[in-house]
């Protein structure tokens, strides 16, 4: 998770991508607490991310990778090109359409848990969930959920 500021030669409007400038430029003050919430989630996931990075360094498995890497024979893994695994256990599907109200994600074989609701979902099918500025679709392998659940519960609680 990273944002970049852009030097704009002090011209207006500022194109600075900091949360507080985005809030000011868009008239959406909720951006700042949402950014804080996602930053705290990322920080609480630091041990998982560090372990996943160690695995990436010592194996041939990139830390972030498209689903086709793990499921090359699954045509749906190719049909959802914006989905990716973060480490071995978190599947992320960024919302890339402004104003989207729901978002469909392909879940590969196996059981998955919606990280925001805690609902267990079967893989091998597409799932649609409600999204908004406060939800990035993230699914966790069911077997790994007990170790990661508290991170997401804290983020949901705010």
N, C-alpha and C. Protein backbone atom coordinates (compact mmCIF):
# COMPACT_ATOMS: atom_id res chain seq x y z
N UNK A 1 0.85 -1.16 0.00
CA UNK A 1 0.00 0.00 0.00
C UNK A 1 0.89 1.22 0.00
N UNK A 2 0.70 2.05 -0.99
CA UNK A 2 1.57 3.20 -1.13
C UNK A 2 0.85 4.27 -1.94
N UNK A 3 1.07 5.50 -1.61
CA UNK A 3 0.57 6.57 -2.46
C UNK A 3 1.75 7.45 -2.84
N UNK A 4 1.60 8.15 -3.93
CA UNK A 4 2.67 9.00 -4.43
C UNK A 4 2.16 10.42 -4.56
N UNK A 5 2.98 11.37 -4.18
CA UNK A 5 2.66 12.76 -4.42
C UNK A 5 3.32 13.17 -5.73
N UNK A 6 2.76 14.17 -6.34
CA UNK A 6 3.31 14.65 -7.60
C UNK A 6 3.70 16.11 -7.43
N UNK A 7 4.92 16.45 -7.80
CA UNK A 7 5.32 17.84 -7.75
C UNK A 7 4.60 18.57 -8.87
N UNK A 8 3.89 19.60 -8.52
CA UNK A 8 3.03 20.32 -9.46
C UNK A 8 3.51 21.75 -9.65
N UNK A 9 4.77 22.02 -9.31
CA UNK A 9 5.35 23.36 -9.45
C UNK A 9 4.51 24.42 -8.75
N UNK A 10 3.87 24.01 -7.65
CA UNK A 10 3.07 24.90 -6.81
C UNK A 10 1.90 25.54 -7.55
N UNK A 11 1.45 24.89 -8.62
CA UNK A 11 0.29 25.38 -9.35
C UNK A 11 -0.97 24.77 -8.75
N UNK A 12 -2.08 25.41 -8.99
CA UNK A 12 -3.37 24.93 -8.50
C UNK A 12 -4.19 24.46 -9.69
N UNK A 13 -5.02 23.45 -9.55
CA UNK A 13 -5.20 22.71 -8.30
C UNK A 13 -4.04 21.74 -8.06
N UNK A 14 -3.79 21.49 -6.81
CA UNK A 14 -2.74 20.55 -6.43
C UNK A 14 -3.13 19.15 -6.88
N UNK A 15 -2.18 18.40 -7.39
CA UNK A 15 -2.43 17.00 -7.76
C UNK A 15 -1.85 16.05 -6.71
N UNK A 16 -1.49 16.59 -5.58
CA UNK A 16 -0.95 15.79 -4.49
C UNK A 16 -1.95 14.68 -4.14
N UNK A 17 -1.48 13.45 -4.04
CA UNK A 17 -2.37 12.31 -3.79
C UNK A 17 -2.43 11.92 -2.33
N UNK A 18 -2.06 12.81 -1.44
CA UNK A 18 -2.19 12.51 -0.02
C UNK A 18 -3.68 12.44 0.32
N UNK A 19 -4.05 11.66 1.32
CA UNK A 19 -5.48 11.51 1.65
C UNK A 19 -6.14 12.85 1.96
N UNK A 20 -5.45 13.73 2.68
CA UNK A 20 -6.05 15.00 3.05
C UNK A 20 -6.25 15.90 1.84
N UNK A 21 -5.38 15.84 0.86
CA UNK A 21 -5.58 16.63 -0.35
C UNK A 21 -6.69 16.03 -1.20
N UNK A 22 -6.75 14.71 -1.29
CA UNK A 22 -7.83 14.08 -2.04
C UNK A 22 -9.17 14.46 -1.41
N UNK A 23 -9.23 14.43 -0.08
CA UNK A 23 -10.47 14.82 0.61
C UNK A 23 -10.85 16.26 0.27
N UNK A 24 -9.87 17.14 0.28
CA UNK A 24 -10.14 18.55 -0.01
C UNK A 24 -10.56 18.75 -1.47
N UNK A 25 -9.85 18.12 -2.39
CA UNK A 25 -10.13 18.31 -3.82
C UNK A 25 -11.47 17.70 -4.25
N UNK A 26 -11.86 16.61 -3.61
CA UNK A 26 -13.10 15.93 -4.00
C UNK A 26 -14.29 16.33 -3.15
N UNK A 27 -14.03 17.03 -2.04
CA UNK A 27 -15.13 17.36 -1.13
C UNK A 27 -15.62 16.13 -0.38
N UNK A 28 -14.75 15.13 -0.22
CA UNK A 28 -15.11 13.87 0.44
C UNK A 28 -14.25 13.68 1.68
N UNK A 29 -14.64 14.28 2.80
CA UNK A 29 -13.81 14.17 4.01
C UNK A 29 -13.68 12.74 4.55
N UNK A 30 -14.55 11.82 4.13
CA UNK A 30 -14.47 10.43 4.62
C UNK A 30 -13.23 9.71 4.11
N UNK A 31 -12.54 10.29 3.13
CA UNK A 31 -11.33 9.67 2.59
C UNK A 31 -10.26 9.52 3.68
N UNK A 32 -10.12 10.50 4.54
CA UNK A 32 -9.05 10.46 5.54
C UNK A 32 -9.25 9.32 6.54
N UNK A 33 -10.43 9.17 7.17
CA UNK A 33 -10.57 8.03 8.09
C UNK A 33 -10.53 6.68 7.38
N UNK A 34 -10.98 6.61 6.13
CA UNK A 34 -10.88 5.35 5.38
C UNK A 34 -9.43 5.00 5.12
N UNK A 35 -8.64 6.00 4.73
CA UNK A 35 -7.22 5.76 4.50
C UNK A 35 -6.55 5.31 5.81
N UNK A 36 -6.92 5.94 6.91
CA UNK A 36 -6.36 5.56 8.22
C UNK A 36 -6.71 4.10 8.53
N UNK A 37 -7.97 3.72 8.28
CA UNK A 37 -8.41 2.35 8.55
C UNK A 37 -7.61 1.34 7.73
N UNK A 38 -7.44 1.60 6.43
CA UNK A 38 -6.68 0.68 5.59
C UNK A 38 -5.20 0.67 5.95
N UNK A 39 -4.69 1.81 6.39
CA UNK A 39 -3.28 1.86 6.83
C UNK A 39 -3.08 1.01 8.08
N UNK A 40 -4.01 1.10 9.02
CA UNK A 40 -3.91 0.30 10.24
C UNK A 40 -4.05 -1.20 9.93
N UNK A 41 -4.93 -1.53 8.98
CA UNK A 41 -5.06 -2.94 8.56
C UNK A 41 -3.75 -3.43 7.98
N UNK A 42 -3.17 -2.65 7.08
CA UNK A 42 -1.89 -3.03 6.48
C UNK A 42 -0.83 -3.22 7.54
N UNK A 43 -0.80 -2.32 8.52
CA UNK A 43 0.19 -2.42 9.59
C UNK A 43 -0.03 -3.69 10.42
N UNK A 44 -1.27 -4.02 10.69
CA UNK A 44 -1.53 -5.23 11.49
C UNK A 44 -1.21 -6.49 10.70
N UNK A 45 -1.23 -6.41 9.38
CA UNK A 45 -0.88 -7.55 8.54
C UNK A 45 0.62 -7.66 8.28
N UNK A 46 1.40 -6.77 8.87
CA UNK A 46 2.85 -6.75 8.62
C UNK A 46 3.51 -8.12 8.87
N UNK A 47 3.19 -8.86 9.94
CA UNK A 47 3.83 -10.17 10.11
C UNK A 47 3.48 -11.14 8.95
N UNK A 48 2.24 -11.15 8.51
CA UNK A 48 1.86 -11.98 7.37
C UNK A 48 2.61 -11.55 6.11
N UNK A 49 2.68 -10.25 5.88
CA UNK A 49 3.38 -9.73 4.69
C UNK A 49 4.87 -10.06 4.75
N UNK A 50 5.47 -9.94 5.93
CA UNK A 50 6.90 -10.25 6.07
C UNK A 50 7.16 -11.73 5.81
N UNK A 51 6.33 -12.60 6.36
CA UNK A 51 6.49 -14.04 6.12
C UNK A 51 6.28 -14.36 4.64
N UNK A 52 5.29 -13.72 4.03
CA UNK A 52 5.03 -13.94 2.61
C UNK A 52 6.20 -13.45 1.76
N UNK A 53 6.82 -12.34 2.16
CA UNK A 53 7.99 -11.83 1.44
C UNK A 53 9.16 -12.80 1.57
N UNK A 54 9.35 -13.37 2.77
CA UNK A 54 10.42 -14.37 2.96
C UNK A 54 10.19 -15.57 2.04
N UNK A 55 8.94 -16.01 1.95
CA UNK A 55 8.62 -17.13 1.06
C UNK A 55 8.92 -16.76 -0.39
N UNK A 56 8.58 -15.55 -0.79
CA UNK A 56 8.83 -15.11 -2.17
C UNK A 56 10.32 -15.09 -2.48
N UNK A 57 11.13 -14.67 -1.51
CA UNK A 57 12.58 -14.59 -1.72
C UNK A 57 13.20 -15.98 -1.85
N UNK A 58 12.66 -16.95 -1.12
CA UNK A 58 13.28 -18.27 -1.09
C UNK A 58 12.65 -19.28 -2.05
N UNK A 59 11.61 -18.86 -2.77
CA UNK A 59 10.95 -19.76 -3.73
C UNK A 59 10.79 -19.05 -5.07
N UNK A 60 10.08 -19.67 -5.95
CA UNK A 60 9.79 -19.06 -7.25
C UNK A 60 8.42 -18.39 -7.27
N UNK A 61 7.84 -18.11 -6.11
CA UNK A 61 6.48 -17.60 -6.01
C UNK A 61 6.48 -16.12 -5.66
N UNK A 62 6.11 -15.25 -6.60
CA UNK A 62 6.08 -13.82 -6.31
C UNK A 62 5.13 -13.50 -5.15
N UNK A 63 5.43 -12.45 -4.43
CA UNK A 63 4.57 -12.01 -3.32
C UNK A 63 3.18 -11.66 -3.83
N UNK A 64 3.11 -10.87 -4.88
CA UNK A 64 1.84 -10.52 -5.52
C UNK A 64 1.84 -11.20 -6.89
N UNK A 65 0.77 -11.94 -7.17
CA UNK A 65 0.73 -12.67 -8.43
C UNK A 65 -0.70 -12.88 -8.90
N UNK A 66 -0.88 -12.79 -10.20
CA UNK A 66 -2.18 -13.08 -10.80
C UNK A 66 -2.59 -14.51 -10.52
N UNK A 67 -3.89 -14.75 -10.52
CA UNK A 67 -4.39 -16.10 -10.23
C UNK A 67 -3.89 -17.13 -11.23
N UNK A 68 -3.64 -16.70 -12.46
CA UNK A 68 -3.15 -17.63 -13.49
C UNK A 68 -1.82 -18.27 -13.11
N UNK A 69 -1.07 -17.64 -12.18
CA UNK A 69 0.21 -18.20 -11.75
C UNK A 69 -0.01 -19.52 -11.01
N UNK A 70 -1.00 -19.54 -10.11
CA UNK A 70 -1.29 -20.73 -9.32
C UNK A 70 -2.29 -21.67 -9.98
N UNK A 71 -3.14 -21.13 -10.86
CA UNK A 71 -4.17 -21.92 -11.52
C UNK A 71 -4.09 -21.71 -13.04
N UNK A 72 -2.98 -22.11 -13.68
CA UNK A 72 -2.80 -21.81 -15.11
C UNK A 72 -3.84 -22.50 -16.01
N UNK A 73 -4.39 -23.60 -15.57
CA UNK A 73 -5.38 -24.31 -16.38
C UNK A 73 -6.81 -23.84 -16.16
N UNK A 74 -7.03 -22.95 -15.24
CA UNK A 74 -8.37 -22.46 -14.93
C UNK A 74 -8.66 -21.23 -15.79
N UNK A 75 -9.54 -21.38 -16.76
CA UNK A 75 -9.84 -20.27 -17.67
C UNK A 75 -10.39 -19.05 -16.93
N UNK A 76 -11.06 -19.26 -15.83
CA UNK A 76 -11.59 -18.12 -15.06
C UNK A 76 -10.47 -17.33 -14.39
N UNK A 77 -9.38 -18.00 -14.07
CA UNK A 77 -8.23 -17.27 -13.50
C UNK A 77 -7.71 -16.26 -14.52
N UNK A 78 -7.83 -16.58 -15.79
CA UNK A 78 -7.40 -15.67 -16.86
C UNK A 78 -8.48 -14.63 -17.15
N UNK A 79 -9.73 -14.97 -16.91
CA UNK A 79 -10.85 -14.08 -17.23
C UNK A 79 -11.02 -12.93 -16.23
N UNK A 80 -10.37 -13.03 -15.08
CA UNK A 80 -10.43 -11.98 -14.05
C UNK A 80 -9.01 -11.45 -13.84
N UNK A 81 -8.48 -10.70 -14.79
CA UNK A 81 -7.06 -10.33 -14.77
C UNK A 81 -6.64 -9.36 -13.66
N UNK A 82 -7.59 -8.70 -13.01
CA UNK A 82 -7.22 -7.74 -11.96
C UNK A 82 -7.13 -8.39 -10.58
N UNK A 83 -7.57 -9.63 -10.46
CA UNK A 83 -7.46 -10.34 -9.18
C UNK A 83 -6.02 -10.78 -8.98
N UNK A 84 -5.61 -10.83 -7.72
CA UNK A 84 -4.26 -11.32 -7.44
C UNK A 84 -4.19 -11.91 -6.05
N UNK A 85 -3.21 -12.77 -5.85
CA UNK A 85 -2.90 -13.28 -4.53
C UNK A 85 -1.86 -12.38 -3.90
N UNK A 86 -2.03 -12.13 -2.64
CA UNK A 86 -1.03 -11.44 -1.82
C UNK A 86 -0.54 -12.50 -0.85
N UNK A 87 0.67 -13.01 -1.10
CA UNK A 87 1.12 -14.18 -0.36
C UNK A 87 0.31 -15.37 -0.85
N UNK A 88 0.28 -16.40 -0.05
CA UNK A 88 -0.43 -17.62 -0.45
C UNK A 88 -1.89 -17.64 -0.03
N UNK A 89 -2.30 -16.74 0.87
CA UNK A 89 -3.61 -16.90 1.50
C UNK A 89 -4.61 -15.79 1.26
N UNK A 90 -4.21 -14.64 0.77
CA UNK A 90 -5.15 -13.54 0.56
C UNK A 90 -5.35 -13.29 -0.93
N UNK A 91 -6.59 -13.33 -1.35
CA UNK A 91 -6.97 -13.03 -2.73
C UNK A 91 -7.62 -11.65 -2.72
N UNK A 92 -7.11 -10.76 -3.54
CA UNK A 92 -7.58 -9.37 -3.59
C UNK A 92 -8.13 -9.09 -4.98
N UNK A 93 -9.25 -8.39 -5.03
CA UNK A 93 -9.85 -8.01 -6.32
C UNK A 93 -10.22 -6.53 -6.27
N UNK A 94 -9.29 -5.65 -6.62
CA UNK A 94 -9.54 -4.21 -6.54
C UNK A 94 -10.75 -3.78 -7.37
N UNK A 95 -11.50 -2.86 -6.83
CA UNK A 95 -12.62 -2.26 -7.55
C UNK A 95 -12.03 -1.19 -8.45
N UNK A 96 -12.22 -1.33 -9.74
CA UNK A 96 -11.59 -0.43 -10.70
C UNK A 96 -12.59 0.41 -11.49
N UNK A 97 -13.86 0.37 -11.10
CA UNK A 97 -14.88 1.16 -11.77
C UNK A 97 -15.47 2.15 -10.79
N UNK A 98 -15.38 3.45 -11.08
CA UNK A 98 -15.95 4.45 -10.17
C UNK A 98 -17.45 4.21 -9.95
N UNK A 99 -17.86 4.33 -8.70
CA UNK A 99 -19.27 4.21 -8.36
C UNK A 99 -19.83 2.80 -8.36
N UNK A 100 -18.98 1.78 -8.48
CA UNK A 100 -19.47 0.40 -8.48
C UNK A 100 -20.18 0.11 -7.16
N UNK A 101 -21.31 -0.57 -7.23
CA UNK A 101 -22.07 -0.93 -6.04
C UNK A 101 -21.86 -2.36 -5.61
N UNK A 102 -21.58 -3.22 -6.58
CA UNK A 102 -21.20 -4.60 -6.26
C UNK A 102 -20.12 -5.04 -7.23
N UNK A 103 -19.44 -6.11 -6.82
CA UNK A 103 -18.24 -6.51 -7.54
C UNK A 103 -18.17 -8.03 -7.55
N UNK A 104 -17.95 -8.60 -8.73
CA UNK A 104 -17.91 -10.05 -8.87
C UNK A 104 -16.46 -10.53 -8.91
N UNK A 105 -16.17 -11.52 -8.10
CA UNK A 105 -14.82 -12.07 -7.95
C UNK A 105 -14.86 -13.56 -8.20
N UNK A 106 -13.91 -14.06 -8.99
CA UNK A 106 -13.76 -15.49 -9.18
C UNK A 106 -12.93 -16.05 -8.04
N UNK A 107 -13.47 -17.06 -7.37
CA UNK A 107 -12.73 -17.74 -6.31
C UNK A 107 -12.31 -19.12 -6.83
N UNK A 108 -11.01 -19.39 -6.88
CA UNK A 108 -10.54 -20.70 -7.34
C UNK A 108 -10.99 -21.82 -6.41
N UNK A 109 -10.73 -23.04 -6.81
CA UNK A 109 -11.12 -24.20 -6.01
C UNK A 109 -10.64 -24.08 -4.57
N UNK A 110 -11.42 -24.65 -3.67
CA UNK A 110 -11.13 -24.60 -2.24
C UNK A 110 -12.13 -23.70 -1.54
N UNK A 111 -12.07 -23.66 -0.24
CA UNK A 111 -12.96 -22.79 0.53
C UNK A 111 -12.26 -21.47 0.82
N UNK A 112 -13.02 -20.39 0.74
CA UNK A 112 -12.52 -19.04 0.96
C UNK A 112 -13.42 -18.33 1.96
N UNK A 113 -12.86 -17.35 2.65
CA UNK A 113 -13.63 -16.56 3.61
C UNK A 113 -13.59 -15.10 3.16
N UNK A 114 -14.77 -14.48 3.08
CA UNK A 114 -14.83 -13.06 2.80
C UNK A 114 -14.24 -12.36 4.01
N UNK A 115 -13.14 -11.65 3.84
CA UNK A 115 -12.41 -11.08 4.97
C UNK A 115 -13.21 -10.02 5.71
N UNK A 116 -14.19 -9.40 5.09
CA UNK A 116 -14.97 -8.34 5.76
C UNK A 116 -16.18 -8.89 6.49
N UNK A 117 -16.81 -9.92 5.93
CA UNK A 117 -18.02 -10.45 6.57
C UNK A 117 -17.76 -11.70 7.39
N UNK A 118 -16.66 -12.40 7.11
CA UNK A 118 -16.38 -13.67 7.78
C UNK A 118 -17.14 -14.84 7.19
N UNK A 119 -17.88 -14.60 6.11
CA UNK A 119 -18.67 -15.66 5.48
C UNK A 119 -17.76 -16.61 4.70
N UNK A 120 -17.95 -17.92 4.92
CA UNK A 120 -17.19 -18.93 4.17
C UNK A 120 -17.90 -19.18 2.85
N UNK A 121 -17.11 -19.19 1.78
CA UNK A 121 -17.65 -19.34 0.43
C UNK A 121 -16.92 -20.48 -0.29
N UNK A 122 -17.65 -21.26 -1.08
CA UNK A 122 -16.99 -22.31 -1.84
C UNK A 122 -16.27 -21.72 -3.05
N UNK A 123 -15.11 -22.28 -3.37
CA UNK A 123 -14.39 -21.86 -4.56
C UNK A 123 -14.92 -22.56 -5.79
N UNK A 124 -14.30 -22.26 -6.91
CA UNK A 124 -14.75 -22.84 -8.17
C UNK A 124 -15.96 -22.13 -8.73
N UNK A 125 -16.23 -20.93 -8.24
CA UNK A 125 -17.38 -20.17 -8.70
C UNK A 125 -17.14 -18.68 -8.47
N UNK A 126 -17.95 -17.86 -9.11
CA UNK A 126 -17.85 -16.41 -8.94
C UNK A 126 -18.80 -15.98 -7.82
N UNK A 127 -18.36 -14.98 -7.05
CA UNK A 127 -19.18 -14.43 -5.97
C UNK A 127 -19.28 -12.93 -6.15
N UNK A 128 -20.47 -12.41 -5.90
CA UNK A 128 -20.69 -10.97 -6.00
C UNK A 128 -20.95 -10.44 -4.60
N UNK A 129 -20.30 -9.35 -4.26
CA UNK A 129 -20.49 -8.72 -2.95
C UNK A 129 -20.69 -7.23 -3.14
N UNK A 130 -21.32 -6.61 -2.16
CA UNK A 130 -21.52 -5.17 -2.15
C UNK A 130 -20.17 -4.51 -1.85
N UNK A 131 -19.85 -3.46 -2.58
CA UNK A 131 -18.61 -2.71 -2.36
C UNK A 131 -18.93 -1.22 -2.25
N UNK A 132 -17.96 -0.50 -1.79
CA UNK A 132 -18.02 0.95 -1.69
C UNK A 132 -16.62 1.44 -1.40
N UNK A 133 -16.49 2.69 -1.06
CA UNK A 133 -15.16 3.20 -0.74
C UNK A 133 -14.52 2.47 0.42
N UNK A 134 -15.33 1.90 1.30
CA UNK A 134 -14.82 1.28 2.52
C UNK A 134 -14.54 -0.21 2.39
N UNK A 135 -14.74 -0.79 1.21
CA UNK A 135 -14.54 -2.24 1.05
C UNK A 135 -13.72 -2.52 -0.21
N UNK A 136 -12.60 -3.16 -0.01
CA UNK A 136 -11.81 -3.74 -1.10
C UNK A 136 -12.06 -5.24 -1.01
N UNK A 137 -12.61 -5.87 -2.03
CA UNK A 137 -12.86 -7.32 -1.92
C UNK A 137 -11.58 -8.10 -1.64
N UNK A 138 -11.56 -8.72 -0.47
CA UNK A 138 -10.43 -9.56 -0.04
C UNK A 138 -11.02 -10.86 0.48
N UNK A 139 -10.44 -11.96 0.02
CA UNK A 139 -10.87 -13.29 0.45
C UNK A 139 -9.64 -14.03 0.97
N UNK A 140 -9.86 -14.80 2.01
CA UNK A 140 -8.77 -15.53 2.65
C UNK A 140 -9.03 -17.03 2.50
N UNK A 141 -7.97 -17.79 2.23
CA UNK A 141 -8.14 -19.24 2.23
C UNK A 141 -8.71 -19.64 3.60
N UNK A 142 -9.71 -20.48 3.58
CA UNK A 142 -10.38 -20.86 4.83
C UNK A 142 -9.40 -21.45 5.84
N UNK A 143 -8.42 -22.23 5.39
CA UNK A 143 -7.47 -22.85 6.30
C UNK A 143 -6.60 -21.81 7.02
N UNK A 144 -6.39 -20.65 6.40
CA UNK A 144 -5.56 -19.60 7.00
C UNK A 144 -6.37 -18.59 7.78
N UNK A 145 -7.69 -18.63 7.66
CA UNK A 145 -8.55 -17.62 8.28
C UNK A 145 -8.35 -17.49 9.79
N UNK A 146 -8.24 -18.58 10.55
CA UNK A 146 -8.07 -18.40 12.00
C UNK A 146 -6.89 -17.50 12.36
N UNK A 147 -5.82 -17.55 11.61
CA UNK A 147 -4.65 -16.72 11.91
C UNK A 147 -4.75 -15.29 11.42
N UNK A 148 -5.67 -15.01 10.51
CA UNK A 148 -5.78 -13.66 9.93
C UNK A 148 -7.07 -12.95 10.31
N UNK A 149 -8.02 -13.66 10.88
CA UNK A 149 -9.35 -13.11 11.14
C UNK A 149 -9.32 -11.85 11.99
N UNK A 150 -8.55 -11.85 13.07
CA UNK A 150 -8.54 -10.70 13.98
C UNK A 150 -8.11 -9.41 13.30
N UNK A 151 -7.20 -9.50 12.33
CA UNK A 151 -6.75 -8.30 11.63
C UNK A 151 -7.92 -7.62 10.92
N UNK A 152 -8.76 -8.42 10.27
CA UNK A 152 -9.88 -7.87 9.54
C UNK A 152 -11.01 -7.47 10.48
N UNK A 153 -11.21 -8.24 11.55
CA UNK A 153 -12.25 -7.86 12.53
C UNK A 153 -11.95 -6.49 13.12
N UNK A 154 -10.69 -6.22 13.42
CA UNK A 154 -10.31 -4.90 13.96
C UNK A 154 -10.59 -3.81 12.93
N UNK A 155 -10.31 -4.09 11.66
CA UNK A 155 -10.55 -3.10 10.61
C UNK A 155 -12.03 -2.84 10.43
N UNK A 156 -12.86 -3.89 10.53
CA UNK A 156 -14.31 -3.73 10.40
C UNK A 156 -14.84 -2.90 11.57
N UNK A 157 -14.32 -3.16 12.75
CA UNK A 157 -14.77 -2.44 13.94
C UNK A 157 -14.37 -0.96 13.89
N UNK A 158 -13.37 -0.65 13.10
CA UNK A 158 -12.94 0.73 12.96
C UNK A 158 -11.90 1.06 13.95
